[in-house]
Amino acid sequence: MRPVSAAADSRLATWVADHAGLHDVVIGNPLTGGNANVTRMITAREGRFVLRHPPTHAVSDKAAAGIAREFTAVSALAGQAPVPQPLVYCDDADVIGQPFAILEFVEGVAITEVFPKGYGADAVGAIGRSLIEALAAVQRVDPSPLMAQGFGRPAGFARRQVERWLGVRADHAVRDLPLLQEIGDWLLATAPVEGAPAIIHCDFHLDNCLSAPDRPEVRAVIDWEMATIGDPLVDLGLCLFFWKRDPEDALGFPVIQAVSNRPYAPERQALADQWSTATGRDHDALVWHMVLAAWRLAAIVEGAWLLHVQGKAVSDYGRRLEHDVPNLLREAQALIEGAQR
């Protein structure tokens, strides 16, 4: 189903021609991938671009803010880190009924369980190193111009996340998840001193990148709707939590970054050391941030399980959360126990 009407497409094509300087604009169908915002192809005489806007049914200020947040973050990073070049942002709801952004189209593939043909024998090592290079490039960008605009609240970001999601899950519980409270309490009790702030993606892993079709190289980090400013270990923690897990274990979201679940993939420690060399930052609190990553994801997506149980959003994704959420919590607990040995 198309996310906007033909009339809206016509208005959009006219608006793009007038405000973005594109000619012979054609609005395409939604592209696959992504769970939050809609991505559609735009072709013009000048090349290919992508349109980003909230789903048609999303009319909240929060959904609209995600598009604005993404465009702001990408605009700050463009030319300094591997992100799509931003073209134009529109908050005029009269055009298609929602705010939207237009970015350059990046030719690439989103990698999950298999590598493209021709990647070579060391594909997992090369893509891991490229992934860390991309993250480090993002985190070397000075966040102070964004902070001056009021973008993000870096001080206490991680603690606020734990407190927020503990409260949300306590108010909207549909099953017994004792580890949710126990790990949340551990995170609050052992929270490390925050590192100097950086621009953070908040959902950084290989699946949210576009890689070259013919070689193991990250070309662009995409899906920036949750971007903010905080301790950069938030992003490294999530990325390395999903890196090189044992496929024989009961995993939460086993498909995410699954290409790394191979015995010959680089170790987490090697990638963390690479990150430290590239950013000039230590990663002493990495395990805490890996636990935070797994716990926070479990706490957030438990909300989708709630909707599934209530029959408000029944889907295969929601059905799998019956096991994904407890598995994420068990993985987080195993990280804590491993660090305490």
C-alpha atoms as a PDB file:
ATOM      1  CA  MET A   1       0.000   0.000   0.000  1.00  0.00           C
ATOM      2  CA  ARG A   2       1.313   3.433  -0.922  1.00  0.00           C
ATOM      3  CA  PRO A   3       1.928   5.679   2.098  1.00  0.00           C
ATOM      4  CA  VAL A   4       0.525   8.871   0.516  1.00  0.00           C
ATOM      5  CA  SER A   5      -2.048   9.594  -2.178  1.00  0.00           C
ATOM      6  CA  ALA A   6      -1.448  10.273  -5.852  1.00  0.00           C
ATOM      7  CA  ALA A   7      -2.533  13.867  -5.262  1.00  0.00           C
ATOM      8  CA  ALA A   8       0.063  14.179  -2.489  1.00  0.00           C
ATOM      9  CA  ASP A   9       2.678  12.714  -4.834  1.00  0.00           C
ATOM     10  CA  SER A  10       1.837  15.403  -7.363  1.00  0.00           C
ATOM     11  CA  ARG A  11       2.130  18.154  -4.752  1.00  0.00           C
ATOM     12  CA  LEU A  12       5.379  16.640  -3.545  1.00  0.00           C
ATOM     13  CA  ALA A  13       6.879  16.547  -7.042  1.00  0.00           C
ATOM     14  CA  THR A  14       6.000  20.208  -7.531  1.00  0.00           C
ATOM     15  CA  TRP A  15       7.391  21.166  -4.121  1.00  0.00           C
ATOM     16  CA  VAL A  16      10.647  19.301  -4.744  1.00  0.00           C
ATOM     17  CA  ALA A  17      11.079  20.996  -8.114  1.00  0.00           C
ATOM     18  CA  ASP A  18      10.472  24.416  -6.566  1.00  0.00           C
ATOM     19  CA  HIS A  19      12.506  24.035  -3.367  1.00  0.00           C
ATOM     20  CA  ALA A  20      15.223  21.494  -4.156  1.00  0.00           C
ATOM     21  CA  GLY A  21      15.983  22.470  -7.740  1.00  0.00           C
ATOM     22  CA  LEU A  22      15.259  19.023  -9.170  1.00  0.00           C
ATOM     23  CA  HIS A  23      13.697  18.500 -12.569  1.00  0.00           C
ATOM     24  CA  ASP A  24      11.469  15.788 -14.074  1.00  0.00           C
ATOM     25  CA  VAL A  25      10.722  14.493 -10.579  1.00  0.00           C
ATOM     26  CA  VAL A  26       9.161  11.033 -10.243  1.00  0.00           C
ATOM     27  CA  ILE A  27       8.071   9.733  -6.828  1.00  0.00           C
ATOM     28  CA  GLY A  28       8.594   5.988  -6.454  1.00  0.00           C
ATOM     29  CA  ASN A  29       7.170   3.302  -4.197  1.00  0.00           C
ATOM     30  CA  PRO A  30       8.452   2.577  -0.672  1.00  0.00           C
ATOM     31  CA  LEU A  31      11.807   0.839  -0.427  1.00  0.00           C
ATOM     32  CA  THR A  32      12.163  -2.246   1.758  1.00  0.00           C
ATOM     33  CA  GLY A  33      13.881  -2.261   5.123  1.00  0.00           C
ATOM     34  CA  GLY A  34      13.444  -0.257   8.295  1.00  0.00           C
ATOM     35  CA  ASN A  35      10.715  -0.487  10.907  1.00  0.00           C
ATOM     36  CA  ALA A  36       9.956   3.142  11.741  1.00  0.00           C
ATOM     37  CA  ASN A  37       9.905   5.694   8.939  1.00  0.00           C
ATOM     38  CA  VAL A  38       8.968   5.292   5.304  1.00  0.00           C
ATOM     39  CA  THR A  39      11.712   5.531   2.675  1.00  0.00           C
ATOM     40  CA  ARG A  40      10.751   6.170  -0.956  1.00  0.00           C
ATOM     41  CA  MET A  41      12.812   6.636  -4.075  1.00  0.00           C
ATOM     42  CA  ILE A  42      12.802   9.929  -5.945  1.00  0.00           C
ATOM     43  CA  THR A  43      14.260  10.039  -9.433  1.00  0.00           C
ATOM     44  CA  ALA A  44      15.038  13.267 -11.225  1.00  0.00           C
ATOM     45  CA  ARG A  45      17.184  14.550 -14.039  1.00  0.00           C
ATOM     46  CA  GLU A  46      19.847  15.287 -11.418  1.00  0.00           C
ATOM     47  CA  GLY A  47      19.957  11.723 -10.070  1.00  0.00           C
ATOM     48  CA  ARG A  48      18.353   9.538  -7.427  1.00  0.00           C
ATOM     49  CA  PHE A  49      17.307  10.631  -3.951  1.00  0.00           C
ATOM     50  CA  VAL A  50      15.281   9.251  -1.052  1.00  0.00           C
ATOM     51  CA  LEU A  51      12.222  10.668   0.648  1.00  0.00           C
ATOM     52  CA  ARG A  52      11.875  10.040   4.385  1.00  0.00           C
ATOM     53  CA  HIS A  53       8.625  10.577   6.279  1.00  0.00           C
ATOM     54  CA  PRO A  54       6.682   8.972   9.151  1.00  0.00           C
ATOM     55  CA  PRO A  55       4.196   6.190   8.397  1.00  0.00           C
ATOM     56  CA  THR A  56       0.826   7.499   7.250  1.00  0.00           C
ATOM     57  CA  HIS A  57      -0.878   6.477  10.499  1.00  0.00           C
ATOM     58  CA  ALA A  58       1.742   8.265  12.618  1.00  0.00           C
ATOM     59  CA  VAL A  59       0.441  11.739  13.276  1.00  0.00           C
ATOM     60  CA  SER A  60       2.088  12.411  16.645  1.00  0.00           C
ATOM     61  CA  ASP A  61       4.592  15.164  17.260  1.00  0.00           C
ATOM     62  CA  LYS A  62       7.076  12.448  18.272  1.00  0.00           C
ATOM     63  CA  ALA A  63       6.912  10.800  14.842  1.00  0.00           C
ATOM     64  CA  ALA A  64       7.405  14.140  13.124  1.00  0.00           C
ATOM     65  CA  ALA A  65      10.261  15.011  15.461  1.00  0.00           C
ATOM     66  CA  GLY A  66      12.132  11.874  14.394  1.00  0.00           C
ATOM     67  CA  ILE A  67      12.324  13.112  10.806  1.00  0.00           C
ATOM     68  CA  ALA A  68      13.534  16.538  11.916  1.00  0.00           C
ATOM     69  CA  ARG A  69      16.039  14.932  14.294  1.00  0.00           C
ATOM     70  CA  GLU A  70      17.417  12.705  11.536  1.00  0.00           C
ATOM     71  CA  PHE A  71      17.839  15.597   9.121  1.00  0.00           C
ATOM     72  CA  THR A  72      19.534  17.737  11.774  1.00  0.00           C
ATOM     73  CA  ALA A  73      21.993  14.999  12.722  1.00  0.00           C
ATOM     74  CA  VAL A  74      22.831  14.067   9.138  1.00  0.00           C
ATOM     75  CA  SER A  75      23.316  17.740   8.256  1.00  0.00           C
ATOM     76  CA  ALA A  76      25.847  18.074  11.090  1.00  0.00           C
ATOM     77  CA  LEU A  77      27.718  14.931  10.019  1.00  0.00           C
ATOM     78  CA  ALA A  78      27.675  15.366   6.235  1.00  0.00           C
ATOM     79  CA  GLY A  79      31.135  15.706   4.747  1.00  0.00           C
ATOM     80  CA  GLN A  80      32.789  14.503   7.953  1.00  0.00           C
ATOM     81  CA  ALA A  81      31.341  11.008   8.393  1.00  0.00           C
ATOM     82  CA  PRO A  82      29.755   8.393   6.097  1.00  0.00           C
ATOM     83  CA  VAL A  83      26.117   9.531   5.990  1.00  0.00           C
ATOM     84  CA  PRO A  84      23.783  10.376   3.093  1.00  0.00           C
ATOM     85  CA  GLN A  85      24.045  13.985   1.977  1.00  0.00           C
ATOM     86  CA  PRO A  86      20.985  15.965   3.132  1.00  0.00           C
ATOM     87  CA  LEU A  87      19.105  17.902   0.486  1.00  0.00           C
ATOM     88  CA  VAL A  88      16.051  19.580   1.998  1.00  0.00           C
ATOM     89  CA  TYR A  89      13.614  19.341   4.909  1.00  0.00           C
ATOM     90  CA  CYS A  90       9.945  20.352   4.860  1.00  0.00           C
ATOM     91  CA  ASP A  91       7.669  20.835   7.866  1.00  0.00           C
ATOM     92  CA  ASP A  92       4.711  22.080   5.823  1.00  0.00           C
ATOM     93  CA  ALA A  93       1.977  19.481   6.400  1.00  0.00           C
ATOM     94  CA  ASP A  94       0.012  20.834   3.435  1.00  0.00           C
ATOM     95  CA  VAL A  95       2.389  19.102   1.000  1.00  0.00           C
ATOM     96  CA  ILE A  96       1.869  15.418   1.928  1.00  0.00           C
ATOM     97  CA  GLY A  97       0.225  15.689   5.333  1.00  0.00           C
ATOM     98  CA  GLN A  98       3.468  15.106   7.257  1.00  0.00           C
ATOM     99  CA  PRO A  99       6.952  16.563   7.540  1.00  0.00           C
ATOM    100  CA  PHE A 100       9.526  14.959   5.302  1.00  0.00           C
ATOM    101  CA  ALA A 101      13.184  15.082   4.350  1.00  0.00           C
ATOM    102  CA  ILE A 102      15.007  14.398   1.107  1.00  0.00           C
ATOM    103  CA  LEU A 103      18.490  12.908   1.165  1.00  0.00           C
ATOM    104  CA  GLU A 104      20.862  11.582  -1.443  1.00  0.00           C
ATOM    105  CA  PHE A 105      20.439   7.962  -2.498  1.00  0.00           C
ATOM    106  CA  VAL A 106      23.398   5.779  -1.510  1.00  0.00           C
ATOM    107  CA  GLU A 107      23.932   2.639  -3.549  1.00  0.00           C
ATOM    108  CA  GLY A 108      24.461  -0.108  -1.024  1.00  0.00           C
ATOM    109  CA  VAL A 109      23.164  -3.191   0.742  1.00  0.00           C
ATOM    110  CA  ALA A 110      22.000  -3.694   4.322  1.00  0.00           C
ATOM    111  CA  ILE A 111      23.759  -6.814   5.590  1.00  0.00           C
ATOM    112  CA  THR A 112      22.194  -9.125   8.153  1.00  0.00           C
ATOM    113  CA  GLU A 113      22.713 -12.894   7.796  1.00  0.00           C
ATOM    114  CA  VAL A 114      24.694 -13.286   4.559  1.00  0.00           C
ATOM    115  CA  PHE A 115      27.352 -11.367   2.685  1.00  0.00           C
ATOM    116  CA  PRO A 116      26.954 -10.348  -0.946  1.00  0.00           C
ATOM    117  CA  LYS A 117      28.741 -12.562  -3.428  1.00  0.00           C
ATOM    118  CA  GLY A 118      32.329 -11.582  -4.089  1.00  0.00           C
ATOM    119  CA  TYR A 119      33.058 -10.205  -0.621  1.00  0.00           C
ATOM    120  CA  GLY A 120      36.001 -12.593  -0.134  1.00  0.00           C
ATOM    121  CA  ALA A 121      37.291 -14.850   2.608  1.00  0.00           C
ATOM    122  CA  ASP A 122      37.963 -12.107   5.183  1.00  0.00           C
ATOM    123  CA  ALA A 123      34.609 -10.388   4.684  1.00  0.00           C
ATOM    124  CA  VAL A 124      33.623 -10.495   8.350  1.00  0.00           C
ATOM    125  CA  GLY A 125      36.939  -9.046   9.480  1.00  0.00           C
ATOM    126  CA  ALA A 126      36.940  -6.327   6.858  1.00  0.00           C
ATOM    127  CA  ILE A 127      33.329  -5.314   7.452  1.00  0.00           C
ATOM    128  CA  GLY A 128      33.881  -5.258  11.217  1.00  0.00           C
ATOM    129  CA  ARG A 129      36.847  -2.923  10.879  1.00  0.00           C
ATOM    130  CA  SER A 130      34.955  -0.736   8.407  1.00  0.00           C
ATOM    131  CA  LEU A 131      31.988  -0.600  10.763  1.00  0.00           C
ATOM    132  CA  ILE A 132      34.186   0.665  13.590  1.00  0.00           C
ATOM    133  CA  GLU A 133      35.855   3.173  11.265  1.00  0.00           C
ATOM    134  CA  ALA A 134      32.426   4.541  10.345  1.00  0.00           C
ATOM    135  CA  LEU A 135      31.392   4.817  13.993  1.00  0.00           C
ATOM    136  CA  ALA A 136      34.644   6.518  14.961  1.00  0.00           C
ATOM    137  CA  ALA A 137      34.248   9.035  12.139  1.00  0.00           C
ATOM    138  CA  VAL A 138      30.803   9.950  13.463  1.00  0.00           C
ATOM    139  CA  GLN A 139      32.069  10.321  16.994  1.00  0.00           C
ATOM    140  CA  ARG A 140      35.024  12.506  16.034  1.00  0.00           C
ATOM    141  CA  VAL A 141      32.637  15.190  14.780  1.00  0.00           C
ATOM    142  CA  ASP A 142      32.397  18.116  17.195  1.00  0.00           C
ATOM    143  CA  PRO A 143      28.901  18.040  18.771  1.00  0.00           C
ATOM    144  CA  SER A 144      29.062  21.573  20.180  1.00  0.00           C
ATOM    145  CA  PRO A 145      27.239  23.266  17.253  1.00  0.00           C
ATOM    146  CA  LEU A 146      24.316  20.895  17.734  1.00  0.00           C
ATOM    147  CA  MET A 147      24.409  21.373  21.485  1.00  0.00           C
ATOM    148  CA  ALA A 148      24.251  25.131  20.965  1.00  0.00           C
ATOM    149  CA  GLN A 149      21.014  24.552  19.026  1.00  0.00           C
ATOM    150  CA  GLY A 150      19.545  22.664  21.978  1.00  0.00           C
ATOM    151  CA  PHE A 151      19.907  19.279  20.276  1.00  0.00           C
ATOM    152  CA  GLY A 152      20.076  16.540  22.916  1.00  0.00           C
ATOM    153  CA  ARG A 153      20.720  16.609  26.646  1.00  0.00           C
ATOM    154  CA  PRO A 154      24.002  14.753  27.053  1.00  0.00           C
ATOM    155  CA  ALA A 155      24.409  15.011  30.825  1.00  0.00           C
ATOM    156  CA  GLY A 156      22.869  11.961  32.457  1.00  0.00           C
ATOM    157  CA  PHE A 157      21.505  10.503  29.207  1.00  0.00           C
ATOM    158  CA  ALA A 158      22.128   6.839  30.087  1.00  0.00           C
ATOM    159  CA  ARG A 159      20.792   7.167  33.642  1.00  0.00           C
ATOM    160  CA  ARG A 160      17.652   8.899  32.358  1.00  0.00           C
ATOM    161  CA  GLN A 161      17.108   6.057  29.925  1.00  0.00           C
ATOM    162  CA  VAL A 162      17.265   3.455  32.677  1.00  0.00           C
ATOM    163  CA  GLU A 163      14.958   5.407  34.969  1.00  0.00           C
ATOM    164  CA  ARG A 164      12.524   6.135  32.167  1.00  0.00           C
ATOM    165  CA  TRP A 165      12.163   2.565  30.948  1.00  0.00           C
ATOM    166  CA  LEU A 166      11.995   1.103  34.444  1.00  0.00           C
ATOM    167  CA  GLY A 167       9.030   3.394  35.021  1.00  0.00           C
ATOM    168  CA  VAL A 168       7.350   2.617  31.716  1.00  0.00           C
ATOM    169  CA  ARG A 169       7.598  -1.123  32.175  1.00  0.00           C
ATOM    170  CA  ALA A 170       6.423  -0.947  35.778  1.00  0.00           C
ATOM    171  CA  ASP A 171       3.334   0.958  34.634  1.00  0.00           C
ATOM    172  CA  HIS A 172       2.630  -1.321  31.672  1.00  0.00           C
ATOM    173  CA  ALA A 173       3.624  -4.856  32.683  1.00  0.00           C
ATOM    174  CA  VAL A 174       1.947  -7.893  31.127  1.00  0.00           C
ATOM    175  CA  ARG A 175       4.316 -10.661  32.278  1.00  0.00           C
ATOM    176  CA  ASP A 176       6.842 -11.421  34.969  1.00  0.00           C
ATOM    177  CA  LEU A 177      10.335 -10.304  33.938  1.00  0.00           C
ATOM    178  CA  PRO A 178      12.337 -10.116  37.179  1.00  0.00           C
ATOM    179  CA  LEU A 179      15.606  -9.522  35.307  1.00  0.00           C
ATOM    180  CA  LEU A 180      14.207  -6.294  33.905  1.00  0.00           C
ATOM    181  CA  GLN A 181      14.106  -4.755  37.378  1.00  0.00           C
ATOM    182  CA  GLU A 182      17.236  -6.493  38.663  1.00  0.00           C
ATOM    183  CA  ILE A 183      19.435  -5.401  35.762  1.00  0.00           C
ATOM    184  CA  GLY A 184      17.945  -1.920  35.787  1.00  0.00           C
ATOM    185  CA  ASP A 185      18.860  -1.604  39.463  1.00  0.00           C
ATOM    186  CA  TRP A 186      22.386  -2.872  38.704  1.00  0.00           C
ATOM    187  CA  LEU A 187      22.796  -0.308  35.936  1.00  0.00           C
ATOM    188  CA  LEU A 188      21.788   2.520  38.256  1.00  0.00           C
ATOM    189  CA  ALA A 189      23.996   1.274  41.094  1.00  0.00           C
ATOM    190  CA  THR A 190      27.106   0.834  38.946  1.00  0.00           C
ATOM    191  CA  ALA A 191      26.747   3.682  36.432  1.00  0.00           C
ATOM    192  CA  PRO A 192      30.212   4.852  35.318  1.00  0.00           C
ATOM    193  CA  VAL A 193      31.379   8.425  34.946  1.00  0.00           C
ATOM    194  CA  GLU A 194      30.201   9.686  31.566  1.00  0.00           C
ATOM    195  CA  GLY A 195      32.680  10.274  28.789  1.00  0.00           C
ATOM    196  CA  ALA A 196      32.888  13.502  26.792  1.00  0.00           C
ATOM    197  CA  PRO A 197      29.733  13.788  24.673  1.00  0.00           C
ATOM    198  CA  ALA A 198      29.512  12.958  20.998  1.00  0.00           C
ATOM    199  CA  ILE A 199      26.795  12.634  18.392  1.00  0.00           C
ATOM    200  CA  ILE A 200      25.273   9.199  18.902  1.00  0.00           C
ATOM    201  CA  HIS A 201      22.974   7.169  16.670  1.00  0.00           C
ATOM    202  CA  CYS A 202      21.251   5.172  19.464  1.00  0.00           C
ATOM    203  CA  ASP A 203      20.646   2.151  17.204  1.00  0.00           C
ATOM    204  CA  PHE A 204      24.063   1.606  15.660  1.00  0.00           C
ATOM    205  CA  HIS A 205      24.854  -1.769  14.128  1.00  0.00           C
ATOM    206  CA  LEU A 206      25.652  -3.178  10.706  1.00  0.00           C
ATOM    207  CA  ASP A 207      21.999  -3.590   9.727  1.00  0.00           C
ATOM    208  CA  ASN A 208      21.548   0.193   9.966  1.00  0.00           C
ATOM    209  CA  CYS A 209      24.351   0.799   7.505  1.00  0.00           C
ATOM    210  CA  LEU A 210      24.597   0.555   3.741  1.00  0.00           C
ATOM    211  CA  SER A 211      27.635  -1.374   2.580  1.00  0.00           C
ATOM    212  CA  ALA A 212      29.215  -1.485  -0.851  1.00  0.00           C
ATOM    213  CA  PRO A 213      27.649  -4.202  -3.046  1.00  0.00           C
ATOM    214  CA  ASP A 214      31.016  -5.488  -4.231  1.00  0.00           C
ATOM    215  CA  ARG A 215      33.392  -5.189  -1.267  1.00  0.00           C
ATOM    216  CA  PRO A 216      33.170  -5.269   2.550  1.00  0.00           C
ATOM    217  CA  GLU A 217      33.056  -1.549   3.188  1.00  0.00           C
ATOM    218  CA  VAL A 218      30.481   0.568   5.018  1.00  0.00           C
ATOM    219  CA  ARG A 219      29.370   3.382   2.734  1.00  0.00           C
ATOM    220  CA  ALA A 220      26.739   5.133   4.857  1.00  0.00           C
ATOM    221  CA  VAL A 221      25.167   4.994   8.307  1.00  0.00           C
ATOM    222  CA  ILE A 222      21.396   5.444   7.954  1.00  0.00           C
ATOM    223  CA  ASP A 223      18.212   5.676  10.076  1.00  0.00           C
ATOM    224  CA  TRP A 224      19.149   8.571  12.357  1.00  0.00           C
ATOM    225  CA  GLU A 225      15.677   9.285  13.785  1.00  0.00           C
ATOM    226  CA  MET A 226      16.790   8.465  17.357  1.00  0.00           C
ATOM    227  CA  ALA A 227      20.043  10.456  17.198  1.00  0.00           C
ATOM    228  CA  THR A 228      21.079  12.554  20.164  1.00  0.00           C
ATOM    229  CA  ILE A 229      24.211  13.598  22.039  1.00  0.00           C
ATOM    230  CA  GLY A 230      25.695  11.487  24.791  1.00  0.00           C
ATOM    231  CA  ASP A 231      28.514   9.167  25.788  1.00  0.00           C
ATOM    232  CA  PRO A 232      29.724   7.514  22.545  1.00  0.00           C
ATOM    233  CA  LEU A 233      30.055   4.202  24.357  1.00  0.00           C
ATOM    234  CA  VAL A 234      26.261   3.987  24.015  1.00  0.00           C
ATOM    235  CA  ASP A 235      26.739   3.251  20.315  1.00  0.00           C
ATOM    236  CA  LEU A 236      29.830   1.087  20.689  1.00  0.00           C
ATOM    237  CA  GLY A 237      28.086  -0.906  23.415  1.00  0.00           C
ATOM    238  CA  LEU A 238      25.111  -1.778  21.231  1.00  0.00           C
ATOM    239  CA  CYS A 239      27.269  -2.563  18.209  1.00  0.00           C
ATOM    240  CA  LEU A 240      29.554  -4.899  20.138  1.00  0.00           C
ATOM    241  CA  PHE A 241      26.712  -6.488  22.075  1.00  0.00           C
ATOM    242  CA  PHE A 242      25.413  -7.724  18.713  1.00  0.00           C
ATOM    243  CA  TRP A 243      28.909  -8.718  17.558  1.00  0.00           C
ATOM    244  CA  LYS A 244      30.089 -12.333  17.536  1.00  0.00           C
ATOM    245  CA  ARG A 245      27.426 -13.971  19.676  1.00  0.00           C
ATOM    246  CA  ASP A 246      27.243 -17.750  19.944  1.00  0.00           C
ATOM    247  CA  PRO A 247      24.564 -18.902  17.463  1.00  0.00           C
ATOM    248  CA  GLU A 248      24.016 -21.997  19.620  1.00  0.00           C
ATOM    249  CA  ASP A 249      22.711 -19.806  22.455  1.00  0.00           C
ATOM    250  CA  ALA A 250      19.156 -18.535  22.803  1.00  0.00           C
ATOM    251  CA  LEU A 251      19.637 -15.043  21.397  1.00  0.00           C
ATOM    252  CA  GLY A 252      17.467 -11.977  21.368  1.00  0.00           C
ATOM    253  CA  PHE A 253      17.016 -10.734  17.786  1.00  0.00           C
ATOM    254  CA  PRO A 254      19.418 -13.368  16.413  1.00  0.00           C
ATOM    255  CA  VAL A 255      19.297 -11.939  12.875  1.00  0.00           C
ATOM    256  CA  ILE A 256      20.786  -8.558  13.790  1.00  0.00           C
ATOM    257  CA  GLN A 257      24.423  -8.430  12.658  1.00  0.00           C
ATOM    258  CA  ALA A 258      24.267 -12.210  12.352  1.00  0.00           C
ATOM    259  CA  VAL A 259      27.125 -12.296   9.842  1.00  0.00           C
ATOM    260  CA  SER A 260      29.452 -11.666  12.763  1.00  0.00           C
ATOM    261  CA  ASN A 261      28.423 -14.826  14.616  1.00  0.00           C
ATOM    262  CA  ARG A 262      31.299 -16.809  13.150  1.00  0.00           C
ATOM    263  CA  PRO A 263      34.273 -18.269  14.995  1.00  0.00           C
ATOM    264  CA  TYR A 264      36.784 -16.416  12.811  1.00  0.00           C
ATOM    265  CA  ALA A 265      35.190 -12.972  13.251  1.00  0.00           C
ATOM    266  CA  PRO A 266      37.360 -10.403  15.065  1.00  0.00           C
ATOM    267  CA  GLU A 267      36.937 -10.438  18.814  1.00  0.00           C
ATOM    268  CA  ARG A 268      34.980  -7.682  20.516  1.00  0.00           C
ATOM    269  CA  GLN A 269      38.150  -6.616  22.310  1.00  0.00           C
ATOM    270  CA  ALA A 270      40.008  -6.119  19.031  1.00  0.00           C
ATOM    271  CA  LEU A 271      37.251  -3.895  17.654  1.00  0.00           C
ATOM    272  CA  ALA A 272      37.016  -1.958  20.913  1.00  0.00           C
ATOM    273  CA  ASP A 273      40.766  -1.344  20.792  1.00  0.00           C
ATOM    274  CA  GLN A 274      40.447  -0.158  17.196  1.00  0.00           C
ATOM    275  CA  TRP A 275      37.696   2.233  18.273  1.00  0.00           C
ATOM    276  CA  SER A 276      39.828   3.640  21.074  1.00  0.00           C
ATOM    277  CA  THR A 277      42.750   4.200  18.719  1.00  0.00           C
ATOM    278  CA  ALA A 278      40.487   5.926  16.195  1.00  0.00           C
ATOM    279  CA  THR A 279      38.689   8.154  18.708  1.00  0.00           C
ATOM    280  CA  GLY A 280      41.312   8.725  21.383  1.00  0.00           C
ATOM    281  CA  ARG A 281      38.818   7.529  24.018  1.00  0.00           C
ATOM    282  CA  ASP A 282      39.051   4.645  26.462  1.00  0.00           C
ATOM    283  CA  HIS A 283      36.481   1.876  26.601  1.00  0.00           C
ATOM    284  CA  ASP A 284      36.842   0.931  30.264  1.00  0.00           C
ATOM    285  CA  ALA A 285      33.059   1.044  30.750  1.00  0.00           C
ATOM    286  CA  LEU A 286      32.270  -1.018  27.652  1.00  0.00           C
ATOM    287  CA  VAL A 287      30.678  -3.973  29.453  1.00  0.00           C
ATOM    288  CA  TRP A 288      28.340  -1.657  31.364  1.00  0.00           C
ATOM    289  CA  HIS A 289      27.262  -0.087  28.078  1.00  0.00           C
ATOM    290  CA  MET A 290      26.791  -3.489  26.442  1.00  0.00           C
ATOM    291  CA  VAL A 291      24.506  -4.461  29.329  1.00  0.00           C
ATOM    292  CA  LEU A 292      22.702  -1.136  28.950  1.00  0.00           C
ATOM    293  CA  ALA A 293      22.247  -1.783  25.232  1.00  0.00           C
ATOM    294  CA  ALA A 294      20.661  -5.213  25.686  1.00  0.00           C
ATOM    295  CA  TRP A 295      18.537  -4.123  28.659  1.00  0.00           C
ATOM    296  CA  ARG A 296      17.309  -0.900  27.029  1.00  0.00           C
ATOM    297  CA  LEU A 297      16.359  -2.699  23.827  1.00  0.00           C
ATOM    298  CA  ALA A 298      14.463  -5.333  25.818  1.00  0.00           C
ATOM    299  CA  ALA A 299      12.641  -2.654  27.813  1.00  0.00           C
ATOM    300  CA  ILE A 300      11.659  -0.712  24.689  1.00  0.00           C
ATOM    301  CA  VAL A 301      10.436  -3.610  22.552  1.00  0.00           C
ATOM    302  CA  GLU A 302       8.508  -5.124  25.452  1.00  0.00           C
ATOM    303  CA  GLY A 303       6.060  -2.374  24.568  1.00  0.00           C
ATOM    304  CA  ALA A 304       5.511  -4.004  21.188  1.00  0.00           C
ATOM    305  CA  TRP A 305       4.921  -7.337  22.946  1.00  0.00           C
ATOM    306  CA  LEU A 306       2.291  -5.594  25.065  1.00  0.00           C
ATOM    307  CA  LEU A 307       0.478  -4.374  21.945  1.00  0.00           C
ATOM    308  CA  HIS A 308       0.731  -7.864  20.461  1.00  0.00           C
ATOM    309  CA  VAL A 309      -0.769  -9.484  23.559  1.00  0.00           C
ATOM    310  CA  GLN A 310      -3.573  -6.915  23.588  1.00  0.00           C
ATOM    311  CA  GLY A 311      -4.312  -7.665  19.931  1.00  0.00           C
ATOM    312  CA  LYS A 312      -3.569  -4.099  18.879  1.00  0.00           C
ATOM    313  CA  ALA A 313      -0.567  -4.888  16.680  1.00  0.00           C
ATOM    314  CA  VAL A 314      -0.448  -8.602  15.890  1.00  0.00           C
ATOM    315  CA  SER A 315       2.522  -9.535  13.705  1.00  0.00           C
ATOM    316  CA  ASP A 316       5.309 -12.058  13.312  1.00  0.00           C
ATOM    317  CA  TYR A 317       7.665  -9.464  14.790  1.00  0.00           C
ATOM    318  CA  GLY A 318       5.463  -9.087  17.865  1.00  0.00           C
ATOM    319  CA  ARG A 319       5.081 -12.852  18.212  1.00  0.00           C
ATOM    320  CA  ARG A 320       8.853 -13.355  18.290  1.00  0.00           C
ATOM    321  CA  LEU A 321       9.178 -10.891  21.166  1.00  0.00           C
ATOM    322  CA  GLU A 322       7.806 -13.563  23.490  1.00  0.00           C
ATOM    323  CA  HIS A 323      11.317 -15.021  23.388  1.00  0.00           C
ATOM    324  CA  ASP A 324      13.465 -12.115  22.141  1.00  0.00           C
ATOM    325  CA  VAL A 325      12.879  -9.958  25.212  1.00  0.00           C
ATOM    326  CA  PRO A 326      13.713 -12.629  27.838  1.00  0.00           C
ATOM    327  CA  ASN A 327      16.703 -13.721  25.747  1.00  0.00           C
ATOM    328  CA  LEU A 328      18.069 -10.166  25.643  1.00  0.00           C
ATOM    329  CA  LEU A 329      17.758  -9.938  29.412  1.00  0.00           C
ATOM    330  CA  ARG A 330      19.506 -13.282  29.910  1.00  0.00           C
ATOM    331  CA  GLU A 331      22.329 -12.154  27.627  1.00  0.00           C
ATOM    332  CA  ALA A 332      22.671  -8.952  29.645  1.00  0.00           C
ATOM    333  CA  GLN A 333      22.787 -10.947  32.884  1.00  0.00           C
ATOM    334  CA  ALA A 334      25.482 -13.225  31.434  1.00  0.00           C
ATOM    335  CA  LEU A 335      27.605 -10.151  30.641  1.00  0.00           C
ATOM    336  CA  ILE A 336      27.282  -8.968  34.234  1.00  0.00           C
ATOM    337  CA  GLU A 337      28.209 -12.373  35.600  1.00  0.00           C
ATOM    338  CA  GLY A 338      31.171 -12.613  33.248  1.00  0.00           C
ATOM    339  CA  ALA A 339      32.475  -9.234  34.383  1.00  0.00           C
ATOM    340  CA  GLN A 340      32.182 -10.234  38.037  1.00  0.00           C
ATOM    341  CA  ARG A 341      34.249 -13.395  37.733  1.00  0.00           C
END
